[in-house]
């Protein structure tokens, strides 16, 4: 696992943020069929919607690889532009009160209960291996506030 404290400090010094692509098959619920990228920052989750064509191309194949993880540097302007996209979701880890994981045969699910009472849901293909990094970070942050279903 990466040293997120060092990445976080460097991000503020350089005005850039490094994130890990967890999956490119993330949806925001059962009625949302358009895939999106789910990025794990040292201090937040970012879901960026993709388009129908990309979703069709993905089919039901893996969109990430454990052997070759995809890390990207986001600068402040890029983040701002992504957050302006309809369907983008930005969830600071400090805003998560509880998290519920469900591992399924065809879909993994993460439900987040935020400190303001809002609920957020993300679904993705289990073969994208988003489970391990998310589980590690959320377990560290939430302790008993993380429930595995």
Foldseek 3Di string as FASTA:
>chain_A
DDPQVVQVVVCVVVQKWKWWFLFQQKDFDPVGQFTWTWIGTSFKIKTFTDDPVVSVVCPQPAGADPVDIDMDMGHPVNVVVRVPDPPMDIGTLVQFAAWEWEDDPAKIKIWTQGPVRDITMMIGGVVSVSPVVVVVSNCVSHVVRYHYD
